[in-house]
Amino acid sequence: MNIDRAVLAFAGAVVLAGLALGHFVNPLWLWLSAFAGANMIQAAFTGFCPAAIIFRKLGLRPGNAFR
């Protein structure tokens, strides 16, 4: 798995977790999904993604989007 796929998988998991927690626990958890979505949008324009930095330090190989 490369960094790009790991970031997409992590972002998807965060969005789904925020939605599930918002539905079953407390609606304020929906802000987690909003934060993940906002981070994905800013990463698309700037190329900066904190998750990509962490995955790089964990040893995943670079992909096309995050180097």
PDB file of N, CA and C in Angstrom:
ATOM      1  N   MET A   1       0.856  -1.172   0.000  1.00  0.00           N
ATOM      2  CA  MET A   1       0.000   0.000   0.000  1.00  0.00           C
ATOM      3  C   MET A   1       0.899   1.231   0.000  1.00  0.00           C
ATOM      4  N   ASN A   2       0.544   2.212  -0.826  1.00  0.00           N
ATOM      5  CA  ASN A   2       1.324   3.450  -0.835  1.00  0.00           C
ATOM      6  C   ASN A   2       0.612   4.521  -0.004  1.00  0.00           C
ATOM      7  N   ILE A   3       1.270   5.666   0.131  1.00  0.00           N
ATOM      8  CA  ILE A   3       0.752   6.736   0.978  1.00  0.00           C
ATOM      9  C   ILE A   3      -0.606   7.226   0.485  1.00  0.00           C
ATOM     10  N   ASP A   4      -0.762   7.359  -0.832  1.00  0.00           N
ATOM     11  CA  ASP A   4      -2.018   7.866  -1.385  1.00  0.00           C
ATOM     12  C   ASP A   4      -3.203   6.999  -0.975  1.00  0.00           C
ATOM     13  N   ARG A   5      -3.048   5.709  -1.141  1.00  0.00           N
ATOM     14  CA  ARG A   5      -4.148   4.794  -0.783  1.00  0.00           C
ATOM     15  C   ARG A   5      -4.396   4.764   0.716  1.00  0.00           C
ATOM     16  N   ALA A   6      -3.326   4.856   1.498  1.00  0.00           N
ATOM     17  CA  ALA A   6      -3.483   4.864   2.954  1.00  0.00           C
ATOM     18  C   ALA A   6      -4.232   6.118   3.402  1.00  0.00           C
ATOM     19  N   VAL A   7      -3.914   7.266   2.791  1.00  0.00           N
ATOM     20  CA  VAL A   7      -4.601   8.508   3.155  1.00  0.00           C
ATOM     21  C   VAL A   7      -6.076   8.416   2.794  1.00  0.00           C
ATOM     22  N   LEU A   8      -6.379   7.906   1.608  1.00  0.00           N
ATOM     23  CA  LEU A   8      -7.783   7.771   1.204  1.00  0.00           C
ATOM     24  C   LEU A   8      -8.541   6.811   2.118  1.00  0.00           C
ATOM     25  N   ALA A   9      -7.912   5.691   2.470  1.00  0.00           N
ATOM     26  CA  ALA A   9      -8.562   4.733   3.361  1.00  0.00           C
ATOM     27  C   ALA A   9      -8.783   5.330   4.749  1.00  0.00           C
ATOM     28  N   PHE A  10      -7.786   6.051   5.247  1.00  0.00           N
ATOM     29  CA  PHE A  10      -7.912   6.671   6.565  1.00  0.00           C
ATOM     30  C   PHE A  10      -8.997   7.746   6.567  1.00  0.00           C
ATOM     31  N   ALA A  11      -9.010   8.581   5.531  1.00  0.00           N
ATOM     32  CA  ALA A  11     -10.026   9.637   5.450  1.00  0.00           C
ATOM     33  C   ALA A  11     -11.431   9.028   5.363  1.00  0.00           C
ATOM     34  N   GLY A  12     -11.586   7.987   4.579  1.00  0.00           N
ATOM     35  CA  GLY A  12     -12.883   7.321   4.495  1.00  0.00           C
ATOM     36  C   GLY A  12     -13.315   6.731   5.825  1.00  0.00           C
ATOM     37  N   ALA A  13     -12.371   6.140   6.535  1.00  0.00           N
ATOM     38  CA  ALA A  13     -12.688   5.563   7.846  1.00  0.00           C
ATOM     39  C   ALA A  13     -13.088   6.652   8.843  1.00  0.00           C
ATOM     40  N   VAL A  14     -12.402   7.797   8.798  1.00  0.00           N
ATOM     41  CA  VAL A  14     -12.736   8.900   9.712  1.00  0.00           C
ATOM     42  C   VAL A  14     -14.127   9.448   9.397  1.00  0.00           C
ATOM     43  N   VAL A  15     -14.436   9.605   8.121  1.00  0.00           N
ATOM     44  CA  VAL A  15     -15.763  10.105   7.738  1.00  0.00           C
ATOM     45  C   VAL A  15     -16.853   9.141   8.195  1.00  0.00           C
ATOM     46  N   LEU A  16     -16.674   7.852   7.933  1.00  0.00           N
ATOM     47  CA  LEU A  16     -17.682   6.870   8.339  1.00  0.00           C
ATOM     48  C   LEU A  16     -17.799   6.772   9.858  1.00  0.00           C
ATOM     49  N   ALA A  17     -16.671   6.855  10.550  1.00  0.00           N
ATOM     50  CA  ALA A  17     -16.721   6.816  12.018  1.00  0.00           C
ATOM     51  C   ALA A  17     -17.462   8.038  12.563  1.00  0.00           C
ATOM     52  N   GLY A  18     -17.202   9.198  11.990  1.00  0.00           N
ATOM     53  CA  GLY A  18     -17.901  10.406  12.436  1.00  0.00           C
ATOM     54  C   GLY A  18     -19.396  10.318  12.194  1.00  0.00           C
ATOM     55  N   LEU A  19     -19.778   9.770  11.049  1.00  0.00           N
ATOM     56  CA  LEU A  19     -21.204   9.612  10.764  1.00  0.00           C
ATOM     57  C   LEU A  19     -21.867   8.608  11.712  1.00  0.00           C
ATOM     58  N   ALA A  20     -21.190   7.492  11.956  1.00  0.00           N
ATOM     59  CA  ALA A  20     -21.751   6.484  12.862  1.00  0.00           C
ATOM     60  C   ALA A  20     -21.862   7.028  14.281  1.00  0.00           C
ATOM     61  N   LEU A  21     -20.809   7.698  14.752  1.00  0.00           N
ATOM     62  CA  LEU A  21     -20.855   8.267  16.098  1.00  0.00           C
ATOM     63  C   LEU A  21     -21.909   9.370  16.189  1.00  0.00           C
ATOM     64  N   GLY A  22     -22.057  10.139  15.124  1.00  0.00           N
ATOM     65  CA  GLY A  22     -23.073  11.183  15.116  1.00  0.00           C
ATOM     66  C   GLY A  22     -24.479  10.622  15.152  1.00  0.00           C
ATOM     67  N   HIS A  23     -24.658   9.481  14.537  1.00  0.00           N
ATOM     68  CA  HIS A  23     -25.992   8.869  14.524  1.00  0.00           C
ATOM     69  C   HIS A  23     -26.307   8.148  15.832  1.00  0.00           C
ATOM     70  N   PHE A  24     -25.341   7.393  16.347  1.00  0.00           N
ATOM     71  CA  PHE A  24     -25.610   6.537  17.499  1.00  0.00           C
ATOM     72  C   PHE A  24     -25.249   7.158  18.851  1.00  0.00           C
ATOM     73  N   VAL A  25     -24.334   8.123  18.881  1.00  0.00           N
ATOM     74  CA  VAL A  25     -23.864   8.643  20.167  1.00  0.00           C
ATOM     75  C   VAL A  25     -24.340  10.074  20.399  1.00  0.00           C
ATOM     76  N   ASN A  26     -23.849  10.996  19.570  1.00  0.00           N
ATOM     77  CA  ASN A  26     -24.166  12.400  19.772  1.00  0.00           C
ATOM     78  C   ASN A  26     -23.975  13.124  18.439  1.00  0.00           C
ATOM     79  N   PRO A  27     -24.936  13.953  18.028  1.00  0.00           N
ATOM     80  CA  PRO A  27     -24.818  14.645  16.743  1.00  0.00           C
ATOM     81  C   PRO A  27     -23.589  15.552  16.617  1.00  0.00           C
ATOM     82  N   LEU A  28     -22.983  15.927  17.723  1.00  0.00           N
ATOM     83  CA  LEU A  28     -21.778  16.754  17.644  1.00  0.00           C
ATOM     84  C   LEU A  28     -20.610  16.016  16.984  1.00  0.00           C
ATOM     85  N   TRP A  29     -20.662  14.688  16.946  1.00  0.00           N
ATOM     86  CA  TRP A  29     -19.621  13.906  16.276  1.00  0.00           C
ATOM     87  C   TRP A  29     -19.608  14.142  14.769  1.00  0.00           C
ATOM     88  N   LEU A  30     -20.665  14.715  14.226  1.00  0.00           N
ATOM     89  CA  LEU A  30     -20.686  15.009  12.790  1.00  0.00           C
ATOM     90  C   LEU A  30     -19.611  16.022  12.423  1.00  0.00           C
ATOM     91  N   TRP A  31     -19.154  16.801  13.393  1.00  0.00           N
ATOM     92  CA  TRP A  31     -18.053  17.731  13.137  1.00  0.00           C
ATOM     93  C   TRP A  31     -16.775  16.996  12.752  1.00  0.00           C
ATOM     94  N   LEU A  32     -16.609  15.758  13.202  1.00  0.00           N
ATOM     95  CA  LEU A  32     -15.441  14.967  12.812  1.00  0.00           C
ATOM     96  C   LEU A  32     -15.454  14.717  11.315  1.00  0.00           C
ATOM     97  N   SER A  33     -16.610  14.371  10.769  1.00  0.00           N
ATOM     98  CA  SER A  33     -16.735  14.177   9.322  1.00  0.00           C
ATOM     99  C   SER A  33     -16.516  15.484   8.571  1.00  0.00           C
ATOM    100  N   ALA A  34     -17.022  16.576   9.123  1.00  0.00           N
ATOM    101  CA  ALA A  34     -16.825  17.880   8.491  1.00  0.00           C
ATOM    102  C   ALA A  34     -15.342  18.252   8.467  1.00  0.00           C
ATOM    103  N   PHE A  35     -14.642  17.986   9.545  1.00  0.00           N
ATOM    104  CA  PHE A  35     -13.211  18.270   9.603  1.00  0.00           C
ATOM    105  C   PHE A  35     -12.453  17.428   8.584  1.00  0.00           C
ATOM    106  N   ALA A  36     -12.793  16.148   8.490  1.00  0.00           N
ATOM    107  CA  ALA A  36     -12.114  15.276   7.529  1.00  0.00           C
ATOM    108  C   ALA A  36     -12.360  15.755   6.098  1.00  0.00           C
ATOM    109  N   GLY A  37     -13.587  16.142   5.801  1.00  0.00           N
ATOM    110  CA  GLY A  37     -13.900  16.647   4.469  1.00  0.00           C
ATOM    111  C   GLY A  37     -13.163  17.933   4.153  1.00  0.00           C
ATOM    112  N   ALA A  38     -13.107  18.845   5.112  1.00  0.00           N
ATOM    113  CA  ALA A  38     -12.386  20.105   4.916  1.00  0.00           C
ATOM    114  C   ALA A  38     -10.893  19.852   4.714  1.00  0.00           C
ATOM    115  N   ASN A  39     -10.348  18.897   5.454  1.00  0.00           N
ATOM    116  CA  ASN A  39      -8.936  18.564   5.300  1.00  0.00           C
ATOM    117  C   ASN A  39      -8.666  17.966   3.922  1.00  0.00           C
ATOM    118  N   MET A  40      -9.583  17.146   3.414  1.00  0.00           N
ATOM    119  CA  MET A  40      -9.399  16.575   2.076  1.00  0.00           C
ATOM    120  C   MET A  40      -9.425  17.658   1.011  1.00  0.00           C
ATOM    121  N   ILE A  41     -10.309  18.640   1.171  1.00  0.00           N
ATOM    122  CA  ILE A  41     -10.384  19.731   0.196  1.00  0.00           C
ATOM    123  C   ILE A  41      -9.109  20.573   0.228  1.00  0.00           C
ATOM    124  N   GLN A  42      -8.629  20.938   1.411  1.00  0.00           N
ATOM    125  CA  GLN A  42      -7.416  21.737   1.468  1.00  0.00           C
ATOM    126  C   GLN A  42      -6.214  20.955   0.963  1.00  0.00           C
ATOM    127  N   ALA A  43      -6.163  19.650   1.202  1.00  0.00           N
ATOM    128  CA  ALA A  43      -5.056  18.835   0.700  1.00  0.00           C
ATOM    129  C   ALA A  43      -5.067  18.763  -0.826  1.00  0.00           C
ATOM    130  N   ALA A  44      -6.246  18.781  -1.415  1.00  0.00           N
ATOM    131  CA  ALA A  44      -6.339  18.750  -2.874  1.00  0.00           C
ATOM    132  C   ALA A  44      -5.740  20.013  -3.486  1.00  0.00           C
ATOM    133  N   PHE A  45      -5.874  21.142  -2.807  1.00  0.00           N
ATOM    134  CA  PHE A  45      -5.370  22.406  -3.352  1.00  0.00           C
ATOM    135  C   PHE A  45      -3.932  22.703  -2.951  1.00  0.00           C
ATOM    136  N   THR A  46      -3.545  22.295  -1.745  1.00  0.00           N
ATOM    137  CA  THR A  46      -2.220  22.657  -1.251  1.00  0.00           C
ATOM    138  C   THR A  46      -1.204  21.529  -1.335  1.00  0.00           C
ATOM    139  N   GLY A  47      -1.678  20.280  -1.350  1.00  0.00           N
ATOM    140  CA  GLY A  47      -0.763  19.142  -1.331  1.00  0.00           C
ATOM    141  C   GLY A  47      -0.248  18.813   0.056  1.00  0.00           C
ATOM    142  N   PHE A  48      -0.681  19.561   1.076  1.00  0.00           N
ATOM    143  CA  PHE A  48      -0.252  19.313   2.448  1.00  0.00           C
ATOM    144  C   PHE A  48      -1.278  18.459   3.159  1.00  0.00           C
ATOM    145  N   CYS A  49      -0.850  17.328   3.682  1.00  0.00           N
ATOM    146  CA  CYS A  49      -1.748  16.436   4.408  1.00  0.00           C
ATOM    147  C   CYS A  49      -1.008  15.856   5.610  1.00  0.00           C
ATOM    148  N   PRO A  50      -1.451  16.172   6.824  1.00  0.00           N
ATOM    149  CA  PRO A  50      -0.778  15.636   8.009  1.00  0.00           C
ATOM    150  C   PRO A  50      -0.753  14.105   8.045  1.00  0.00           C
ATOM    151  N   ALA A  51      -1.813  13.475   7.573  1.00  0.00           N
ATOM    152  CA  ALA A  51      -1.833  12.005   7.570  1.00  0.00           C
ATOM    153  C   ALA A  51      -0.753  11.447   6.648  1.00  0.00           C
ATOM    154  N   ALA A  52      -0.516  12.109   5.516  1.00  0.00           N
ATOM    155  CA  ALA A  52       0.523  11.657   4.590  1.00  0.00           C
ATOM    156  C   ALA A  52       1.905  11.724   5.240  1.00  0.00           C
ATOM    157  N   ILE A  53       2.130  12.772   6.028  1.00  0.00           N
ATOM    158  CA  ILE A  53       3.408  12.902   6.729  1.00  0.00           C
ATOM    159  C   ILE A  53       3.586  11.755   7.720  1.00  0.00           C
ATOM    160  N   ILE A  54       2.529  11.432   8.447  1.00  0.00           N
ATOM    161  CA  ILE A  54       2.598  10.339   9.426  1.00  0.00           C
ATOM    162  C   ILE A  54       2.820   9.005   8.727  1.00  0.00           C
ATOM    163  N   PHE A  55       2.090   8.752   7.633  1.00  0.00           N
ATOM    164  CA  PHE A  55       2.264   7.488   6.912  1.00  0.00           C
ATOM    165  C   PHE A  55       3.665   7.381   6.310  1.00  0.00           C
ATOM    166  N   ARG A  56       4.234   8.500   5.865  1.00  0.00           N
ATOM    167  CA  ARG A  56       5.596   8.490   5.339  1.00  0.00           C
ATOM    168  C   ARG A  56       6.576   8.099   6.433  1.00  0.00           C
ATOM    169  N   LYS A  57       6.386   8.652   7.645  1.00  0.00           N
ATOM    170  CA  LYS A  57       7.270   8.323   8.766  1.00  0.00           C
ATOM    171  C   LYS A  57       7.107   6.873   9.209  1.00  0.00           C
ATOM    172  N   LEU A  58       5.931   6.303   8.923  1.00  0.00           N
ATOM    173  CA  LEU A  58       5.706   4.893   9.259  1.00  0.00           C
ATOM    174  C   LEU A  58       6.311   3.952   8.218  1.00  0.00           C
ATOM    175  N   GLY A  59       6.836   4.533   7.134  1.00  0.00           N
ATOM    176  CA  GLY A  59       7.553   3.712   6.158  1.00  0.00           C
ATOM    177  C   GLY A  59       6.795   3.331   4.907  1.00  0.00           C
ATOM    178  N   LEU A  60       5.610   3.879   4.695  1.00  0.00           N
ATOM    179  CA  LEU A  60       4.889   3.571   3.468  1.00  0.00           C
ATOM    180  C   LEU A  60       5.581   4.254   2.296  1.00  0.00           C
ATOM    181  N   ARG A  61       5.514   3.625   1.145  1.00  0.00           N
ATOM    182  CA  ARG A  61       6.167   4.198  -0.027  1.00  0.00           C
ATOM    183  C   ARG A  61       5.311   5.302  -0.613  1.00  0.00           C
ATOM    184  N   PRO A  62       5.952   6.304  -1.217  1.00  0.00           N
ATOM    185  CA  PRO A  62       5.203   7.428  -1.785  1.00  0.00           C
ATOM    186  C   PRO A  62       4.363   7.013  -2.973  1.00  0.00           C
ATOM    187  N   GLY A  63       3.303   7.780  -3.202  1.00  0.00           N
ATOM    188  CA  GLY A  63       2.470   7.586  -4.367  1.00  0.00           C
ATOM    189  C   GLY A  63       2.608   8.781  -5.281  1.00  0.00           C
ATOM    190  N   ASN A  64       1.620   9.009  -6.128  1.00  0.00           N
ATOM    191  CA  ASN A  64       1.675  10.129  -7.064  1.00  0.00           C
ATOM    192  C   ASN A  64       1.254  11.440  -6.426  1.00  0.00           C
ATOM    193  N   ALA A  65       0.333  11.400  -5.492  1.00  0.00           N
ATOM    194  CA  ALA A  65      -0.218  12.637  -4.935  1.00  0.00           C
ATOM    195  C   ALA A  65       0.636  13.193  -3.795  1.00  0.00           C
ATOM    196  N   PHE A  66       1.002  12.360  -2.859  1.00  0.00           N
ATOM    197  CA  PHE A  66       1.751  12.806  -1.681  1.00  0.00           C
ATOM    198  C   PHE A  66       3.156  12.223  -1.724  1.00  0.00           C
ATOM    199  N   ARG A  67       4.155  13.075  -1.865  1.00  0.00           N
ATOM    200  CA  ARG A  67       5.544  12.607  -1.945  1.00  0.00           C
ATOM    201  C   ARG A  67       6.347  13.099  -0.778  1.00  0.00           C
TER     202      ARG A  67
END
